[in-house]
Amino acid sequence: MDSNFVIYLGRQTIETTLLVAAPILLTCVIVGVVVTLFQAVTSVRDMSLTVVPKLMAVGFVTLLFGSWMLGILLKFMNESFGHIQNIGQ
């Protein structure tokens, strides 16, 4: 195992992590901005108003994109285990 392989593996790990986390993170940001704007316009300051919509949106996005995210993770893990298997030979 040389340094190029370690760099490649680290890059693939970071790319996979960002790709899998992107739908949930973007949903949290969008819902957070919408709720914050709603609170600023109506002057409602309730903590449950910020948490509940985010949880519902994240749950919906997870149901919607869960199989895609699982496919990305399985592809990454199969590739990683293939590299581990080749190192042992």
PDB file of N, CA and C in Angstrom:
ATOM      1  N   MET A   1       0.857  -1.177   0.000  1.00  0.00           N
ATOM      2  CA  MET A   1       0.000   0.000   0.000  1.00  0.00           C
ATOM      3  C   MET A   1       0.902   1.239   0.000  1.00  0.00           C
ATOM      4  N   ASP A   2       0.737   2.051  -1.021  1.00  0.00           N
ATOM      5  CA  ASP A   2       1.551   3.244  -1.130  1.00  0.00           C
ATOM      6  C   ASP A   2       0.734   4.484  -0.771  1.00  0.00           C
ATOM      7  N   SER A   3       1.407   5.620  -0.784  1.00  0.00           N
ATOM      8  CA  SER A   3       0.740   6.852  -0.363  1.00  0.00           C
ATOM      9  C   SER A   3      -0.363   7.268  -1.336  1.00  0.00           C
ATOM     10  N   ASN A   4      -0.227   6.952  -2.612  1.00  0.00           N
ATOM     11  CA  ASN A   4      -1.275   7.289  -3.573  1.00  0.00           C
ATOM     12  C   ASN A   4      -2.582   6.562  -3.261  1.00  0.00           C
ATOM     13  N   PHE A   5      -2.473   5.310  -2.844  1.00  0.00           N
ATOM     14  CA  PHE A   5      -3.671   4.548  -2.495  1.00  0.00           C
ATOM     15  C   PHE A   5      -4.346   5.125  -1.256  1.00  0.00           C
ATOM     16  N   VAL A   6      -3.555   5.534  -0.285  1.00  0.00           N
ATOM     17  CA  VAL A   6      -4.118   6.124   0.936  1.00  0.00           C
ATOM     18  C   VAL A   6      -4.827   7.435   0.607  1.00  0.00           C
ATOM     19  N   ILE A   7      -4.237   8.246  -0.241  1.00  0.00           N
ATOM     20  CA  ILE A   7      -4.867   9.502  -0.659  1.00  0.00           C
ATOM     21  C   ILE A   7      -6.150   9.218  -1.427  1.00  0.00           C
ATOM     22  N   TYR A   8      -6.114   8.230  -2.319  1.00  0.00           N
ATOM     23  CA  TYR A   8      -7.305   7.846  -3.079  1.00  0.00           C
ATOM     24  C   TYR A   8      -8.419   7.378  -2.145  1.00  0.00           C
ATOM     25  N   LEU A   9      -8.075   6.538  -1.188  1.00  0.00           N
ATOM     26  CA  LEU A   9      -9.072   6.023  -0.253  1.00  0.00           C
ATOM     27  C   LEU A   9      -9.653   7.134   0.614  1.00  0.00           C
ATOM     28  N   GLY A  10      -8.812   8.050   1.067  1.00  0.00           N
ATOM     29  CA  GLY A  10      -9.303   9.186   1.851  1.00  0.00           C
ATOM     30  C   GLY A  10     -10.220  10.081   1.044  1.00  0.00           C
ATOM     31  N   ARG A  11      -9.861  10.310  -0.217  1.00  0.00           N
ATOM     32  CA  ARG A  11     -10.699  11.144  -1.074  1.00  0.00           C
ATOM     33  C   ARG A  11     -12.047  10.481  -1.342  1.00  0.00           C
ATOM     34  N   GLN A  12     -12.035   9.187  -1.618  1.00  0.00           N
ATOM     35  CA  GLN A  12     -13.286   8.459  -1.851  1.00  0.00           C
ATOM     36  C   GLN A  12     -14.167   8.477  -0.603  1.00  0.00           C
ATOM     37  N   THR A  13     -13.558   8.375   0.556  1.00  0.00           N
ATOM     38  CA  THR A  13     -14.318   8.404   1.808  1.00  0.00           C
ATOM     39  C   THR A  13     -14.988   9.750   2.007  1.00  0.00           C
ATOM     40  N   ILE A  14     -14.259  10.823   1.798  1.00  0.00           N
ATOM     41  CA  ILE A  14     -14.827  12.167   1.965  1.00  0.00           C
ATOM     42  C   ILE A  14     -15.915  12.435   0.927  1.00  0.00           C
ATOM     43  N   GLU A  15     -15.676  12.042  -0.328  1.00  0.00           N
ATOM     44  CA  GLU A  15     -16.684  12.244  -1.367  1.00  0.00           C
ATOM     45  C   GLU A  15     -17.962  11.466  -1.069  1.00  0.00           C
ATOM     46  N   THR A  16     -17.813  10.231  -0.621  1.00  0.00           N
ATOM     47  CA  THR A  16     -18.983   9.415  -0.296  1.00  0.00           C
ATOM     48  C   THR A  16     -19.745  10.002   0.885  1.00  0.00           C
ATOM     49  N   THR A  17     -19.030  10.453   1.889  1.00  0.00           N
ATOM     50  CA  THR A  17     -19.673  11.054   3.052  1.00  0.00           C
ATOM     51  C   THR A  17     -20.453  12.301   2.668  1.00  0.00           C
ATOM     52  N   LEU A  18     -19.856  13.170   1.875  1.00  0.00           N
ATOM     53  CA  LEU A  18     -20.552  14.387   1.449  1.00  0.00           C
ATOM     54  C   LEU A  18     -21.749  14.072   0.564  1.00  0.00           C
ATOM     55  N   LEU A  19     -21.606  13.085  -0.314  1.00  0.00           N
ATOM     56  CA  LEU A  19     -22.690  12.719  -1.209  1.00  0.00           C
ATOM     57  C   LEU A  19     -23.876  12.145  -0.445  1.00  0.00           C
ATOM     58  N   VAL A  20     -23.605  11.329   0.566  1.00  0.00           N
ATOM     59  CA  VAL A  20     -24.681  10.714   1.342  1.00  0.00           C
ATOM     60  C   VAL A  20     -25.327  11.730   2.289  1.00  0.00           C
ATOM     61  N   ALA A  21     -24.538  12.624   2.846  1.00  0.00           N
ATOM     62  CA  ALA A  21     -25.070  13.583   3.817  1.00  0.00           C
ATOM     63  C   ALA A  21     -25.733  14.795   3.169  1.00  0.00           C
ATOM     64  N   ALA A  22     -25.460  15.046   1.893  1.00  0.00           N
ATOM     65  CA  ALA A  22     -25.950  16.262   1.236  1.00  0.00           C
ATOM     66  C   ALA A  22     -27.466  16.431   1.270  1.00  0.00           C
ATOM     67  N   PRO A  23     -28.272  15.414   0.947  1.00  0.00           N
ATOM     68  CA  PRO A  23     -29.724  15.643   0.973  1.00  0.00           C
ATOM     69  C   PRO A  23     -30.250  16.049   2.347  1.00  0.00           C
ATOM     70  N   ILE A  24     -29.738  15.424   3.384  1.00  0.00           N
ATOM     71  CA  ILE A  24     -30.214  15.726   4.738  1.00  0.00           C
ATOM     72  C   ILE A  24     -29.729  17.103   5.175  1.00  0.00           C
ATOM     73  N   LEU A  25     -28.470  17.426   4.899  1.00  0.00           N
ATOM     74  CA  LEU A  25     -27.943  18.730   5.291  1.00  0.00           C
ATOM     75  C   LEU A  25     -28.634  19.871   4.550  1.00  0.00           C
ATOM     76  N   LEU A  26     -28.848  19.701   3.246  1.00  0.00           N
ATOM     77  CA  LEU A  26     -29.540  20.736   2.483  1.00  0.00           C
ATOM     78  C   LEU A  26     -30.971  20.924   2.964  1.00  0.00           C
ATOM     79  N   THR A  27     -31.622  19.827   3.310  1.00  0.00           N
ATOM     80  CA  THR A  27     -32.984  19.924   3.842  1.00  0.00           C
ATOM     81  C   THR A  27     -33.003  20.693   5.149  1.00  0.00           C
ATOM     82  N   CYS A  28     -32.057  20.398   6.039  1.00  0.00           N
ATOM     83  CA  CYS A  28     -31.994  21.120   7.316  1.00  0.00           C
ATOM     84  C   CYS A  28     -31.752  22.608   7.102  1.00  0.00           C
ATOM     85  N   VAL A  29     -30.887  22.951   6.175  1.00  0.00           N
ATOM     86  CA  VAL A  29     -30.596  24.359   5.925  1.00  0.00           C
ATOM     87  C   VAL A  29     -31.822  25.068   5.358  1.00  0.00           C
ATOM     88  N   ILE A  30     -32.462  24.463   4.368  1.00  0.00           N
ATOM     89  CA  ILE A  30     -33.625  25.096   3.741  1.00  0.00           C
ATOM     90  C   ILE A  30     -34.772  25.247   4.726  1.00  0.00           C
ATOM     91  N   VAL A  31     -35.080  24.187   5.472  1.00  0.00           N
ATOM     92  CA  VAL A  31     -36.172  24.269   6.449  1.00  0.00           C
ATOM     93  C   VAL A  31     -35.822  25.259   7.553  1.00  0.00           C
ATOM     94  N   GLY A  32     -34.556  25.291   7.968  1.00  0.00           N
ATOM     95  CA  GLY A  32     -34.142  26.243   8.997  1.00  0.00           C
ATOM     96  C   GLY A  32     -34.306  27.684   8.557  1.00  0.00           C
ATOM     97  N   VAL A  33     -33.947  27.985   7.308  1.00  0.00           N
ATOM     98  CA  VAL A  33     -34.102  29.352   6.799  1.00  0.00           C
ATOM     99  C   VAL A  33     -35.579  29.722   6.694  1.00  0.00           C
ATOM    100  N   VAL A  34     -36.396  28.798   6.204  1.00  0.00           N
ATOM    101  CA  VAL A  34     -37.835  29.079   6.075  1.00  0.00           C
ATOM    102  C   VAL A  34     -38.458  29.312   7.448  1.00  0.00           C
ATOM    103  N   VAL A  35     -38.138  28.482   8.418  1.00  0.00           N
ATOM    104  CA  VAL A  35     -38.704  28.639   9.764  1.00  0.00           C
ATOM    105  C   VAL A  35     -38.207  29.934  10.399  1.00  0.00           C
ATOM    106  N   THR A  36     -36.953  30.263  10.207  1.00  0.00           N
ATOM    107  CA  THR A  36     -36.407  31.504  10.761  1.00  0.00           C
ATOM    108  C   THR A  36     -37.088  32.725  10.156  1.00  0.00           C
ATOM    109  N   LEU A  37     -37.300  32.696   8.848  1.00  0.00           N
ATOM    110  CA  LEU A  37     -38.025  33.799   8.210  1.00  0.00           C
ATOM    111  C   LEU A  37     -39.456  33.900   8.729  1.00  0.00           C
ATOM    112  N   PHE A  38     -40.098  32.752   8.901  1.00  0.00           N
ATOM    113  CA  PHE A  38     -41.457  32.747   9.444  1.00  0.00           C
ATOM    114  C   PHE A  38     -41.480  33.323  10.855  1.00  0.00           C
ATOM    115  N   GLN A  39     -40.508  32.956  11.669  1.00  0.00           N
ATOM    116  CA  GLN A  39     -40.439  33.478  13.034  1.00  0.00           C
ATOM    117  C   GLN A  39     -40.150  34.976  13.029  1.00  0.00           C
ATOM    118  N   ALA A  40     -39.323  35.429  12.121  1.00  0.00           N
ATOM    119  CA  ALA A  40     -39.009  36.857  12.069  1.00  0.00           C
ATOM    120  C   ALA A  40     -40.219  37.674  11.626  1.00  0.00           C
ATOM    121  N   VAL A  41     -40.998  37.136  10.703  1.00  0.00           N
ATOM    122  CA  VAL A  41     -42.167  37.862  10.207  1.00  0.00           C
ATOM    123  C   VAL A  41     -43.286  37.891  11.243  1.00  0.00           C
ATOM    124  N   THR A  42     -43.493  36.777  11.931  1.00  0.00           N
ATOM    125  CA  THR A  42     -44.623  36.689  12.868  1.00  0.00           C
ATOM    126  C   THR A  42     -44.239  36.980  14.313  1.00  0.00           C
ATOM    127  N   SER A  43     -42.968  37.133  14.596  1.00  0.00           N
ATOM    128  CA  SER A  43     -42.468  37.364  15.956  1.00  0.00           C
ATOM    129  C   SER A  43     -42.831  36.229  16.916  1.00  0.00           C
ATOM    130  N   VAL A  44     -42.917  35.016  16.403  1.00  0.00           N
ATOM    131  CA  VAL A  44     -43.171  33.831  17.224  1.00  0.00           C
ATOM    132  C   VAL A  44     -41.820  33.254  17.621  1.00  0.00           C
ATOM    133  N   ARG A  45     -41.600  33.082  18.904  1.00  0.00           N
ATOM    134  CA  ARG A  45     -40.332  32.547  19.407  1.00  0.00           C
ATOM    135  C   ARG A  45     -40.588  31.263  20.182  1.00  0.00           C
ATOM    136  N   ASP A  46     -40.837  30.196  19.479  1.00  0.00           N
ATOM    137  CA  ASP A  46     -41.097  28.912  20.113  1.00  0.00           C
ATOM    138  C   ASP A  46     -40.033  27.918  19.650  1.00  0.00           C
ATOM    139  N   MET A  47     -39.371  27.259  20.586  1.00  0.00           N
ATOM    140  CA  MET A  47     -38.293  26.335  20.233  1.00  0.00           C
ATOM    141  C   MET A  47     -38.810  25.114  19.486  1.00  0.00           C
ATOM    142  N   SER A  48     -40.014  24.663  19.808  1.00  0.00           N
ATOM    143  CA  SER A  48     -40.539  23.489  19.108  1.00  0.00           C
ATOM    144  C   SER A  48     -40.831  23.812  17.650  1.00  0.00           C
ATOM    145  N   LEU A  49     -41.036  25.073  17.335  1.00  0.00           N
ATOM    146  CA  LEU A  49     -41.288  25.472  15.957  1.00  0.00           C
ATOM    147  C   LEU A  49     -40.037  25.302  15.098  1.00  0.00           C
ATOM    148  N   THR A  50     -38.863  25.332  15.696  1.00  0.00           N
ATOM    149  CA  THR A  50     -37.638  25.142  14.917  1.00  0.00           C
ATOM    150  C   THR A  50     -37.258  23.669  14.804  1.00  0.00           C
ATOM    151  N   VAL A  51     -37.576  22.877  15.802  1.00  0.00           N
ATOM    152  CA  VAL A  51     -37.127  21.490  15.826  1.00  0.00           C
ATOM    153  C   VAL A  51     -38.071  20.564  15.065  1.00  0.00           C
ATOM    154  N   VAL A  52     -39.358  20.693  15.293  1.00  0.00           N
ATOM    155  CA  VAL A  52     -40.332  19.762  14.724  1.00  0.00           C
ATOM    156  C   VAL A  52     -40.340  19.781  13.194  1.00  0.00           C
ATOM    157  N   PRO A  53     -40.365  20.932  12.530  1.00  0.00           N
ATOM    158  CA  PRO A  53     -40.334  20.889  11.062  1.00  0.00           C
ATOM    159  C   PRO A  53     -39.047  20.278  10.497  1.00  0.00           C
ATOM    160  N   LYS A  54     -37.927  20.531  11.166  1.00  0.00           N
ATOM    161  CA  LYS A  54     -36.673  19.938  10.700  1.00  0.00           C
ATOM    162  C   LYS A  54     -36.702  18.423  10.829  1.00  0.00           C
ATOM    163  N   LEU A  55     -37.203  17.924  11.949  1.00  0.00           N
ATOM    164  CA  LEU A  55     -37.287  16.477  12.133  1.00  0.00           C
ATOM    165  C   LEU A  55     -38.216  15.835  11.110  1.00  0.00           C
ATOM    166  N   MET A  56     -39.342  16.473  10.855  1.00  0.00           N
ATOM    167  CA  MET A  56     -40.279  15.939   9.873  1.00  0.00           C
ATOM    168  C   MET A  56     -39.665  15.960   8.470  1.00  0.00           C
ATOM    169  N   ALA A  57     -38.999  17.032   8.120  1.00  0.00           N
ATOM    170  CA  ALA A  57     -38.385  17.138   6.797  1.00  0.00           C
ATOM    171  C   ALA A  57     -37.249  16.137   6.628  1.00  0.00           C
ATOM    172  N   VAL A  58     -36.439  15.970   7.656  1.00  0.00           N
ATOM    173  CA  VAL A  58     -35.338  15.008   7.586  1.00  0.00           C
ATOM    174  C   VAL A  58     -35.887  13.586   7.483  1.00  0.00           C
ATOM    175  N   GLY A  59     -36.936  13.288   8.214  1.00  0.00           N
ATOM    176  CA  GLY A  59     -37.561  11.972   8.101  1.00  0.00           C
ATOM    177  C   GLY A  59     -38.094  11.714   6.705  1.00  0.00           C
ATOM    178  N   PHE A  60     -38.739  12.712   6.116  1.00  0.00           N
ATOM    179  CA  PHE A  60     -39.273  12.570   4.767  1.00  0.00           C
ATOM    180  C   PHE A  60     -38.156  12.393   3.737  1.00  0.00           C
ATOM    181  N   VAL A  61     -37.104  13.189   3.867  1.00  0.00           N
ATOM    182  CA  VAL A  61     -35.975  13.083   2.931  1.00  0.00           C
ATOM    183  C   VAL A  61     -35.269  11.740   3.093  1.00  0.00           C
ATOM    184  N   THR A  62     -35.158  11.257   4.312  1.00  0.00           N
ATOM    185  CA  THR A  62     -34.541   9.952   4.537  1.00  0.00           C
ATOM    186  C   THR A  62     -35.375   8.846   3.900  1.00  0.00           C
ATOM    187  N   LEU A  63     -36.683   8.931   4.020  1.00  0.00           N
ATOM    188  CA  LEU A  63     -37.543   7.949   3.354  1.00  0.00           C
ATOM    189  C   LEU A  63     -37.444   8.061   1.839  1.00  0.00           C
ATOM    190  N   LEU A  64     -37.338   9.267   1.346  1.00  0.00           N
ATOM    191  CA  LEU A  64     -37.299   9.496  -0.095  1.00  0.00           C
ATOM    192  C   LEU A  64     -35.958   9.071  -0.704  1.00  0.00           C
ATOM    193  N   PHE A  65     -34.856   9.432  -0.071  1.00  0.00           N
ATOM    194  CA  PHE A  65     -33.523   9.166  -0.617  1.00  0.00           C
ATOM    195  C   PHE A  65     -32.786   8.030   0.083  1.00  0.00           C
ATOM    196  N   GLY A  66     -33.440   7.337   1.005  1.00  0.00           N
ATOM    197  CA  GLY A  66     -32.761   6.299   1.782  1.00  0.00           C
ATOM    198  C   GLY A  66     -32.184   5.182   0.944  1.00  0.00           C
ATOM    199  N   SER A  67     -32.936   4.703  -0.028  1.00  0.00           N
ATOM    200  CA  SER A  67     -32.437   3.595  -0.846  1.00  0.00           C
ATOM    201  C   SER A  67     -31.254   4.047  -1.706  1.00  0.00           C
ATOM    202  N   TRP A  68     -31.307   5.279  -2.199  1.00  0.00           N
ATOM    203  CA  TRP A  68     -30.185   5.808  -2.976  1.00  0.00           C
ATOM    204  C   TRP A  68     -28.937   5.938  -2.097  1.00  0.00           C
ATOM    205  N   MET A  69     -29.112   6.467  -0.883  1.00  0.00           N
ATOM    206  CA  MET A  69     -27.973   6.630   0.022  1.00  0.00           C
ATOM    207  C   MET A  69     -27.399   5.269   0.405  1.00  0.00           C
ATOM    208  N   LEU A  70     -28.268   4.292   0.638  1.00  0.00           N
ATOM    209  CA  LEU A  70     -27.796   2.948   0.965  1.00  0.00           C
ATOM    210  C   LEU A  70     -27.034   2.337  -0.205  1.00  0.00           C
ATOM    211  N   GLY A  71     -27.497   2.566  -1.424  1.00  0.00           N
ATOM    212  CA  GLY A  71     -26.784   2.069  -2.604  1.00  0.00           C
ATOM    213  C   GLY A  71     -25.391   2.669  -2.726  1.00  0.00           C
ATOM    214  N   ILE A  72     -25.279   3.962  -2.467  1.00  0.00           N
ATOM    215  CA  ILE A  72     -23.961   4.627  -2.515  1.00  0.00           C
ATOM    216  C   ILE A  72     -23.032   4.033  -1.453  1.00  0.00           C
ATOM    217  N   LEU A  73     -23.554   3.844  -0.248  1.00  0.00           N
ATOM    218  CA  LEU A  73     -22.731   3.285   0.822  1.00  0.00           C
ATOM    219  C   LEU A  73     -22.321   1.844   0.536  1.00  0.00           C
ATOM    220  N   LEU A  74     -23.244   1.043  -0.008  1.00  0.00           N
ATOM    221  CA  LEU A  74     -22.906  -0.346  -0.332  1.00  0.00           C
ATOM    222  C   LEU A  74     -21.853  -0.421  -1.433  1.00  0.00           C
ATOM    223  N   LYS A  75     -21.967   0.442  -2.426  1.00  0.00           N
ATOM    224  CA  LYS A  75     -20.965   0.487  -3.497  1.00  0.00           C
ATOM    225  C   LYS A  75     -19.588   0.831  -2.930  1.00  0.00           C
ATOM    226  N   PHE A  76     -19.552   1.832  -2.040  1.00  0.00           N
ATOM    227  CA  PHE A  76     -18.287   2.231  -1.422  1.00  0.00           C
ATOM    228  C   PHE A  76     -17.701   1.105  -0.575  1.00  0.00           C
ATOM    229  N   MET A  77     -18.556   0.448   0.210  1.00  0.00           N
ATOM    230  CA  MET A  77     -18.061  -0.623   1.081  1.00  0.00           C
ATOM    231  C   MET A  77     -17.583  -1.824   0.269  1.00  0.00           C
ATOM    232  N   ASN A  78     -18.299  -2.179  -0.797  1.00  0.00           N
ATOM    233  CA  ASN A  78     -17.841  -3.284  -1.648  1.00  0.00           C
ATOM    234  C   ASN A  78     -16.490  -2.967  -2.275  1.00  0.00           C
ATOM    235  N   GLU A  79     -16.307  -1.736  -2.709  1.00  0.00           N
ATOM    236  CA  GLU A  79     -15.018  -1.332  -3.274  1.00  0.00           C
ATOM    237  C   GLU A  79     -13.925  -1.370  -2.211  1.00  0.00           C
ATOM    238  N   SER A  80     -14.245  -0.898  -1.009  1.00  0.00           N
ATOM    239  CA  SER A  80     -13.253  -0.898   0.070  1.00  0.00           C
ATOM    240  C   SER A  80     -12.864  -2.320   0.466  1.00  0.00           C
ATOM    241  N   PHE A  81     -13.862  -3.204   0.582  1.00  0.00           N
ATOM    242  CA  PHE A  81     -13.553  -4.585   0.939  1.00  0.00           C
ATOM    243  C   PHE A  81     -12.782  -5.291  -0.182  1.00  0.00           C
ATOM    244  N   GLY A  82     -13.042  -4.913  -1.425  1.00  0.00           N
ATOM    245  CA  GLY A  82     -12.270  -5.456  -2.529  1.00  0.00           C
ATOM    246  C   GLY A  82     -10.805  -5.053  -2.440  1.00  0.00           C
ATOM    247  N   HIS A  83     -10.554  -3.800  -2.059  1.00  0.00           N
ATOM    248  CA  HIS A  83      -9.166  -3.355  -1.879  1.00  0.00           C
ATOM    249  C   HIS A  83      -8.512  -4.063  -0.716  1.00  0.00           C
ATOM    250  N   ILE A  84      -9.252  -4.288   0.358  1.00  0.00           N
ATOM    251  CA  ILE A  84      -8.701  -5.003   1.522  1.00  0.00           C
ATOM    252  C   ILE A  84      -8.349  -6.432   1.131  1.00  0.00           C
ATOM    253  N   GLN A  85      -9.209  -7.042   0.340  1.00  0.00           N
ATOM    254  CA  GLN A  85      -8.965  -8.410  -0.095  1.00  0.00           C
ATOM    255  C   GLN A  85      -7.714  -8.484  -0.979  1.00  0.00           C
ATOM    256  N   ASN A  86      -7.520  -7.479  -1.830  1.00  0.00           N
ATOM    257  CA  ASN A  86      -6.338  -7.466  -2.694  1.00  0.00           C
ATOM    258  C   ASN A  86      -5.046  -7.215  -1.924  1.00  0.00           C
ATOM    259  N   ILE A  87      -5.143  -6.481  -0.825  1.00  0.00           N
ATOM    260  CA  ILE A  87      -3.946  -6.224  -0.016  1.00  0.00           C
ATOM    261  C   ILE A  87      -3.446  -7.504   0.620  1.00  0.00           C
ATOM    262  N   GLY A  88      -4.367  -8.379   1.010  1.00  0.00           N
ATOM    263  CA  GLY A  88      -3.990  -9.627   1.677  1.00  0.00           C
ATOM    264  C   GLY A  88      -3.340 -10.644   0.756  1.00  0.00           C
ATOM    265  N   GLN A  89      -3.440 -10.463  -0.545  1.00  0.00           N
ATOM    266  CA  GLN A  89      -2.891 -11.454  -1.474  1.00  0.00           C
ATOM    267  C   GLN A  89      -1.443 -11.219  -1.772  1.00  0.00           C
TER     268      GLN A  89
END
